[in-house]
């Protein structure tokens, strides 16, 4: 996806979100099934509050940035 701007981002059953330019949200509600967000080189990620809908663990949402997608945020 090139750009996405929204107040609330809701993702069910995990999934992948690849951003090439711009991502902005105020709140995200994510299922604990392994949501992955990739920021491609030069992408601007403005993420406020992320809530996991069924767990208190922060390890379930993965955010990767960088040229090869291996650098974790």
PDB file of N, CA and C in Angstrom:
ATOM      1  N   UNK A   1       0.841  -1.161   0.000  1.00  0.00           N
ATOM      2  CA  UNK A   1       0.000   0.000   0.000  1.00  0.00           C
ATOM      3  C   UNK A   1       0.894   1.234   0.000  1.00  0.00           C
ATOM      4  N   UNK A   2       0.516   2.216  -0.762  1.00  0.00           N
ATOM      5  CA  UNK A   2       1.310   3.437  -0.842  1.00  0.00           C
ATOM      6  C   UNK A   2       1.166   4.265   0.426  1.00  0.00           C
ATOM      7  N   UNK A   3      -0.046   4.695   0.755  1.00  0.00           N
ATOM      8  CA  UNK A   3      -0.280   5.530   1.936  1.00  0.00           C
ATOM      9  C   UNK A   3      -1.612   5.176   2.573  1.00  0.00           C
ATOM     10  N   UNK A   4      -1.669   5.333   3.902  1.00  0.00           N
ATOM     11  CA  UNK A   4      -2.899   5.098   4.644  1.00  0.00           C
ATOM     12  C   UNK A   4      -2.941   6.056   5.820  1.00  0.00           C
ATOM     13  N   UNK A   5      -4.037   6.799   5.928  1.00  0.00           N
ATOM     14  CA  UNK A   5      -4.238   7.700   7.059  1.00  0.00           C
ATOM     15  C   UNK A   5      -5.649   7.478   7.579  1.00  0.00           C
ATOM     16  N   UNK A   6      -5.761   7.167   8.887  1.00  0.00           N
ATOM     17  CA  UNK A   6      -7.071   6.915   9.475  1.00  0.00           C
ATOM     18  C   UNK A   6      -7.041   7.178  10.978  1.00  0.00           C
ATOM     19  N   UNK A   7      -8.216   7.342  11.561  1.00  0.00           N
ATOM     20  CA  UNK A   7      -8.329   7.525  13.016  1.00  0.00           C
ATOM     21  C   UNK A   7      -8.109   6.199  13.725  1.00  0.00           C
ATOM     22  N   UNK A   8      -8.805   5.131  13.266  1.00  0.00           N
ATOM     23  CA  UNK A   8      -8.705   3.817  13.879  1.00  0.00           C
ATOM     24  C   UNK A   8      -8.402   2.768  12.818  1.00  0.00           C
ATOM     25  N   UNK A   9      -7.392   1.965  13.091  1.00  0.00           N
ATOM     26  CA  UNK A   9      -7.011   0.864  12.215  1.00  0.00           C
ATOM     27  C   UNK A   9      -7.409  -0.423  12.921  1.00  0.00           C
ATOM     28  N   UNK A  10      -8.234  -1.242  12.275  1.00  0.00           N
ATOM     29  CA  UNK A  10      -8.688  -2.495  12.869  1.00  0.00           C
ATOM     30  C   UNK A  10      -8.255  -3.625  11.946  1.00  0.00           C
ATOM     31  N   UNK A  11      -7.510  -4.575  12.498  1.00  0.00           N
ATOM     32  CA  UNK A  11      -7.048  -5.711  11.707  1.00  0.00           C
ATOM     33  C   UNK A  11      -7.452  -6.997  12.410  1.00  0.00           C
ATOM     34  N   UNK A  12      -8.158  -7.862  11.705  1.00  0.00           N
ATOM     35  CA  UNK A  12      -8.592  -9.137  12.266  1.00  0.00           C
ATOM     36  C   UNK A  12      -7.755 -10.272  11.698  1.00  0.00           C
ATOM     37  N   UNK A  13      -7.482 -11.248  12.525  1.00  0.00           N
ATOM     38  CA  UNK A  13      -6.762 -12.460  12.142  1.00  0.00           C
ATOM     39  C   UNK A  13      -5.381 -12.188  11.567  1.00  0.00           C
ATOM     40  N   UNK A  14      -4.700 -11.228  12.145  1.00  0.00           N
ATOM     41  CA  UNK A  14      -3.335 -10.948  11.718  1.00  0.00           C
ATOM     42  C   UNK A  14      -3.275 -10.428  10.303  1.00  0.00           C
ATOM     43  N   UNK A  15      -2.160 -10.632   9.668  1.00  0.00           N
ATOM     44  CA  UNK A  15      -1.991 -10.182   8.302  1.00  0.00           C
ATOM     45  C   UNK A  15      -0.758  -9.313   8.163  1.00  0.00           C
ATOM     46  N   UNK A  16      -0.526  -8.848   6.964  1.00  0.00           N
ATOM     47  CA  UNK A  16       0.633  -8.004   6.671  1.00  0.00           C
ATOM     48  C   UNK A  16       0.173  -6.693   6.074  1.00  0.00           C
ATOM     49  N   UNK A  17       0.848  -5.640   6.480  1.00  0.00           N
ATOM     50  CA  UNK A  17       0.588  -4.312   5.943  1.00  0.00           C
ATOM     51  C   UNK A  17       1.938  -3.745   5.528  1.00  0.00           C
ATOM     52  N   UNK A  18       2.118  -3.515   4.236  1.00  0.00           N
ATOM     53  CA  UNK A  18       3.363  -2.960   3.716  1.00  0.00           C
ATOM     54  C   UNK A  18       3.096  -1.537   3.256  1.00  0.00           C
ATOM     55  N   UNK A  19       3.846  -0.585   3.807  1.00  0.00           N
ATOM     56  CA  UNK A  19       3.666   0.834   3.506  1.00  0.00           C
ATOM     57  C   UNK A  19       4.892   1.341   2.760  1.00  0.00           C
ATOM     58  N   UNK A  20       4.662   1.971   1.615  1.00  0.00           N
ATOM     59  CA  UNK A  20       5.798   2.489   0.849  1.00  0.00           C
ATOM     60  C   UNK A  20       6.040   3.971   1.088  1.00  0.00           C
ATOM     61  N   UNK A  21       5.008   4.736   1.492  1.00  0.00           N
ATOM     62  CA  UNK A  21       5.212   6.170   1.696  1.00  0.00           C
ATOM     63  C   UNK A  21       4.796   6.675   3.070  1.00  0.00           C
ATOM     64  N   UNK A  22       3.538   6.442   3.490  1.00  0.00           N
ATOM     65  CA  UNK A  22       3.024   7.131   4.673  1.00  0.00           C
ATOM     66  C   UNK A  22       1.970   6.289   5.379  1.00  0.00           C
ATOM     67  N   UNK A  23       2.106   6.142   6.709  1.00  0.00           N
ATOM     68  CA  UNK A  23       1.096   5.488   7.535  1.00  0.00           C
ATOM     69  C   UNK A  23       0.854   6.341   8.761  1.00  0.00           C
ATOM     70  N   UNK A  24      -0.411   6.665   9.024  1.00  0.00           N
ATOM     71  CA  UNK A  24      -0.753   7.431  10.218  1.00  0.00           C
ATOM     72  C   UNK A  24      -2.075   6.937  10.768  1.00  0.00           C
ATOM     73  N   UNK A  25      -2.083   6.650  12.087  1.00  0.00           N
ATOM     74  CA  UNK A  25      -3.332   6.342  12.771  1.00  0.00           C
ATOM     75  C   UNK A  25      -3.238   6.800  14.214  1.00  0.00           C
ATOM     76  N   UNK A  26      -4.421   7.062  14.821  1.00  0.00           N
ATOM     77  CA  UNK A  26      -4.479   7.452  16.227  1.00  0.00           C
ATOM     78  C   UNK A  26      -4.534   6.230  17.135  1.00  0.00           C
ATOM     79  N   UNK A  27      -5.330   5.229  16.745  1.00  0.00           N
ATOM     80  CA  UNK A  27      -5.453   3.995  17.518  1.00  0.00           C
ATOM     81  C   UNK A  27      -5.504   2.814  16.568  1.00  0.00           C
ATOM     82  N   UNK A  28      -4.910   1.708  16.987  1.00  0.00           N
ATOM     83  CA  UNK A  28      -4.996   0.472  16.220  1.00  0.00           C
ATOM     84  C   UNK A  28      -5.472  -0.635  17.148  1.00  0.00           C
ATOM     85  N   UNK A  29      -6.421  -1.412  16.682  1.00  0.00           N
ATOM     86  CA  UNK A  29      -6.927  -2.565  17.411  1.00  0.00           C
ATOM     87  C   UNK A  29      -6.574  -3.789  16.577  1.00  0.00           C
ATOM     88  N   UNK A  30      -5.682  -4.626  17.091  1.00  0.00           N
ATOM     89  CA  UNK A  30      -5.147  -5.730  16.310  1.00  0.00           C
ATOM     90  C   UNK A  30      -5.426  -7.060  16.996  1.00  0.00           C
ATOM     91  N   UNK A  31      -5.770  -8.063  16.214  1.00  0.00           N
ATOM     92  CA  UNK A  31      -5.959  -9.415  16.727  1.00  0.00           C
ATOM     93  C   UNK A  31      -4.586 -10.013  17.035  1.00  0.00           C
ATOM     94  N   UNK A  32      -4.531 -10.957  17.960  1.00  0.00           N
ATOM     95  CA  UNK A  32      -3.238 -11.514  18.382  1.00  0.00           C
ATOM     96  C   UNK A  32      -2.697 -12.610  17.478  1.00  0.00           C
ATOM     97  N   UNK A  33      -3.061 -12.626  16.242  1.00  0.00           N
ATOM     98  CA  UNK A  33      -2.622 -13.691  15.341  1.00  0.00           C
ATOM     99  C   UNK A  33      -1.426 -13.288  14.481  1.00  0.00           C
ATOM    100  N   UNK A  34      -0.593 -12.412  14.975  1.00  0.00           N
ATOM    101  CA  UNK A  34       0.646 -12.117  14.273  1.00  0.00           C
ATOM    102  C   UNK A  34       0.569 -11.037  13.218  1.00  0.00           C
ATOM    103  N   UNK A  35       0.068  -9.872  13.539  1.00  0.00           N
ATOM    104  CA  UNK A  35       0.047  -8.736  12.610  1.00  0.00           C
ATOM    105  C   UNK A  35       1.471  -8.266  12.364  1.00  0.00           C
ATOM    106  N   UNK A  36       1.808  -8.029  11.103  1.00  0.00           N
ATOM    107  CA  UNK A  36       3.139  -7.557  10.731  1.00  0.00           C
ATOM    108  C   UNK A  36       2.985  -6.279   9.915  1.00  0.00           C
ATOM    109  N   UNK A  37       3.724  -5.230  10.295  1.00  0.00           N
ATOM    110  CA  UNK A  37       3.736  -3.971   9.557  1.00  0.00           C
ATOM    111  C   UNK A  37       5.142  -3.768   9.008  1.00  0.00           C
ATOM    112  N   UNK A  38       5.257  -3.598   7.691  1.00  0.00           N
ATOM    113  CA  UNK A  38       6.533  -3.348   7.035  1.00  0.00           C
ATOM    114  C   UNK A  38       6.574  -1.899   6.558  1.00  0.00           C
ATOM    115  N   UNK A  39       7.626  -1.181   6.918  1.00  0.00           N
ATOM    116  CA  UNK A  39       7.854   0.160   6.395  1.00  0.00           C
ATOM    117  C   UNK A  39       8.991   0.105   5.391  1.00  0.00           C
ATOM    118  N   UNK A  40       8.711   0.350   4.134  1.00  0.00           N
ATOM    119  CA  UNK A  40       9.747   0.314   3.107  1.00  0.00           C
ATOM    120  C   UNK A  40      10.674   1.516   3.255  1.00  0.00           C
ATOM    121  N   UNK A  41      11.854   1.483   2.637  1.00  0.00           N
ATOM    122  CA  UNK A  41      12.809   2.593   2.756  1.00  0.00           C
ATOM    123  C   UNK A  41      12.162   3.931   2.418  1.00  0.00           C
ATOM    124  N   UNK A  42      12.308   4.892   3.303  1.00  0.00           N
ATOM    125  CA  UNK A  42      11.762   6.226   3.103  1.00  0.00           C
ATOM    126  C   UNK A  42      10.332   6.392   3.582  1.00  0.00           C
ATOM    127  N   UNK A  43       9.710   5.319   4.052  1.00  0.00           N
ATOM    128  CA  UNK A  43       8.323   5.409   4.522  1.00  0.00           C
ATOM    129  C   UNK A  43       8.270   6.132   5.865  1.00  0.00           C
ATOM    130  N   UNK A  44       7.228   6.934   6.045  1.00  0.00           N
ATOM    131  CA  UNK A  44       7.006   7.664   7.292  1.00  0.00           C
ATOM    132  C   UNK A  44       5.897   6.951   8.053  1.00  0.00           C
ATOM    133  N   UNK A  45       6.219   6.439   9.246  1.00  0.00           N
ATOM    134  CA  UNK A  45       5.250   5.721  10.063  1.00  0.00           C
ATOM    135  C   UNK A  45       4.934   6.551  11.296  1.00  0.00           C
ATOM    136  N   UNK A  46       3.710   7.042  11.385  1.00  0.00           N
ATOM    137  CA  UNK A  46       3.262   7.846  12.522  1.00  0.00           C
ATOM    138  C   UNK A  46       2.168   7.051  13.225  1.00  0.00           C
ATOM    139  N   UNK A  47       2.585   6.228  14.191  1.00  0.00           N
ATOM    140  CA  UNK A  47       1.655   5.334  14.870  1.00  0.00           C
ATOM    141  C   UNK A  47       1.503   5.777  16.314  1.00  0.00           C
ATOM    142  N   UNK A  48       0.289   6.023  16.723  1.00  0.00           N
ATOM    143  CA  UNK A  48       0.025   6.458  18.096  1.00  0.00           C
ATOM    144  C   UNK A  48      -0.149   5.248  19.009  1.00  0.00           C
ATOM    145  N   UNK A  49      -1.358   4.858  19.299  1.00  0.00           N
ATOM    146  CA  UNK A  49      -1.659   3.825  20.290  1.00  0.00           C
ATOM    147  C   UNK A  49      -2.007   2.510  19.601  1.00  0.00           C
ATOM    148  N   UNK A  50      -1.330   1.424  20.014  1.00  0.00           N
ATOM    149  CA  UNK A  50      -1.608   0.097  19.471  1.00  0.00           C
ATOM    150  C   UNK A  50      -2.126  -0.775  20.604  1.00  0.00           C
ATOM    151  N   UNK A  51      -3.306  -1.363  20.401  1.00  0.00           N
ATOM    152  CA  UNK A  51      -3.895  -2.251  21.403  1.00  0.00           C
ATOM    153  C   UNK A  51      -4.096  -3.625  20.791  1.00  0.00           C
ATOM    154  N   UNK A  52      -3.664  -4.637  21.524  1.00  0.00           N
ATOM    155  CA  UNK A  52      -3.915  -6.013  21.142  1.00  0.00           C
ATOM    156  C   UNK A  52      -5.265  -6.387  21.738  1.00  0.00           C
ATOM    157  N   UNK A  53      -6.155  -6.950  20.964  1.00  0.00           N
ATOM    158  CA  UNK A  53      -7.526  -7.161  21.427  1.00  0.00           C
ATOM    159  C   UNK A  53      -7.682  -8.302  22.423  1.00  0.00           C
ATOM    160  N   UNK A  54      -6.717  -9.229  22.499  1.00  0.00           N
ATOM    161  CA  UNK A  54      -6.898 -10.372  23.397  1.00  0.00           C
ATOM    162  C   UNK A  54      -5.717 -10.651  24.307  1.00  0.00           C
ATOM    163  N   UNK A  55      -4.680  -9.887  24.280  1.00  0.00           N
ATOM    164  CA  UNK A  55      -3.497 -10.199  25.073  1.00  0.00           C
ATOM    165  C   UNK A  55      -2.790  -8.921  25.473  1.00  0.00           C
ATOM    166  N   UNK A  56      -2.017  -9.005  26.550  1.00  0.00           N
ATOM    167  CA  UNK A  56      -1.226  -7.860  26.991  1.00  0.00           C
ATOM    168  C   UNK A  56       0.196  -7.911  26.454  1.00  0.00           C
ATOM    169  N   UNK A  57       0.535  -8.928  25.704  1.00  0.00           N
ATOM    170  CA  UNK A  57       1.889  -9.089  25.184  1.00  0.00           C
ATOM    171  C   UNK A  57       2.119  -8.176  23.989  1.00  0.00           C
ATOM    172  N   UNK A  58       3.261  -7.490  23.963  1.00  0.00           N
ATOM    173  CA  UNK A  58       3.612  -6.621  22.839  1.00  0.00           C
ATOM    174  C   UNK A  58       4.335  -7.374  21.732  1.00  0.00           C
ATOM    175  N   UNK A  59       4.652  -8.660  21.957  1.00  0.00           N
ATOM    176  CA  UNK A  59       5.414  -9.434  20.986  1.00  0.00           C
ATOM    177  C   UNK A  59       4.575  -9.906  19.808  1.00  0.00           C
ATOM    178  N   UNK A  60       3.281  -9.744  19.864  1.00  0.00           N
ATOM    179  CA  UNK A  60       2.426 -10.283  18.826  1.00  0.00           C
ATOM    180  C   UNK A  60       2.324  -9.389  17.604  1.00  0.00           C
ATOM    181  N   UNK A  61       2.564  -8.109  17.760  1.00  0.00           N
ATOM    182  CA  UNK A  61       2.573  -7.185  16.637  1.00  0.00           C
ATOM    183  C   UNK A  61       4.027  -6.910  16.296  1.00  0.00           C
ATOM    184  N   UNK A  62       4.411  -7.168  15.061  1.00  0.00           N
ATOM    185  CA  UNK A  62       5.791  -6.960  14.638  1.00  0.00           C
ATOM    186  C   UNK A  62       5.842  -5.796  13.659  1.00  0.00           C
ATOM    187  N   UNK A  63       6.842  -4.922  13.850  1.00  0.00           N
ATOM    188  CA  UNK A  63       7.023  -3.778  12.964  1.00  0.00           C
ATOM    189  C   UNK A  63       8.448  -3.835  12.431  1.00  0.00           C
ATOM    190  N   UNK A  64       8.596  -3.873  11.114  1.00  0.00           N
ATOM    191  CA  UNK A  64       9.900  -3.948  10.470  1.00  0.00           C
ATOM    192  C   UNK A  64      10.116  -2.705   9.621  1.00  0.00           C
ATOM    193  N   UNK A  65      11.330  -2.160   9.678  1.00  0.00           N
ATOM    194  CA  UNK A  65      11.684  -1.012   8.848  1.00  0.00           C
ATOM    195  C   UNK A  65      13.034  -1.282   8.200  1.00  0.00           C
ATOM    196  N   UNK A  66      13.381  -0.492   7.209  1.00  0.00           N
ATOM    197  CA  UNK A  66      14.699  -0.599   6.600  1.00  0.00           C
ATOM    198  C   UNK A  66      14.671  -1.157   5.196  1.00  0.00           C
ATOM    199  N   UNK A  67      15.842  -1.221   4.621  1.00  0.00           N
ATOM    200  CA  UNK A  67      15.975  -1.619   3.224  1.00  0.00           C
ATOM    201  C   UNK A  67      15.640  -3.078   2.981  1.00  0.00           C
ATOM    202  N   UNK A  68      15.999  -3.949   3.918  1.00  0.00           N
ATOM    203  CA  UNK A  68      15.781  -5.366   3.687  1.00  0.00           C
ATOM    204  C   UNK A  68      14.636  -5.932   4.517  1.00  0.00           C
ATOM    205  N   UNK A  69      13.947  -5.086   5.282  1.00  0.00           N
ATOM    206  CA  UNK A  69      12.823  -5.543   6.083  1.00  0.00           C
ATOM    207  C   UNK A  69      13.215  -6.353   7.293  1.00  0.00           C
ATOM    208  N   UNK A  70      14.514  -6.345   7.642  1.00  0.00           N
ATOM    209  CA  UNK A  70      14.980  -7.149   8.763  1.00  0.00           C
ATOM    210  C   UNK A  70      15.223  -6.335  10.019  1.00  0.00           C
ATOM    211  N   UNK A  71      15.177  -5.029   9.918  1.00  0.00           N
ATOM    212  CA  UNK A  71      15.396  -4.180  11.087  1.00  0.00           C
ATOM    213  C   UNK A  71      14.076  -4.022  11.814  1.00  0.00           C
ATOM    214  N   UNK A  72      14.057  -4.388  13.072  1.00  0.00           N
ATOM    215  CA  UNK A  72      12.824  -4.359  13.849  1.00  0.00           C
ATOM    216  C   UNK A  72      12.673  -3.051  14.574  1.00  0.00           C
ATOM    217  N   UNK A  73      11.464  -2.522  14.597  1.00  0.00           N
ATOM    218  CA  UNK A  73      11.195  -1.276  15.323  1.00  0.00           C
ATOM    219  C   UNK A  73      10.563  -1.598  16.657  1.00  0.00           C
TER     220      UNK A  73
END
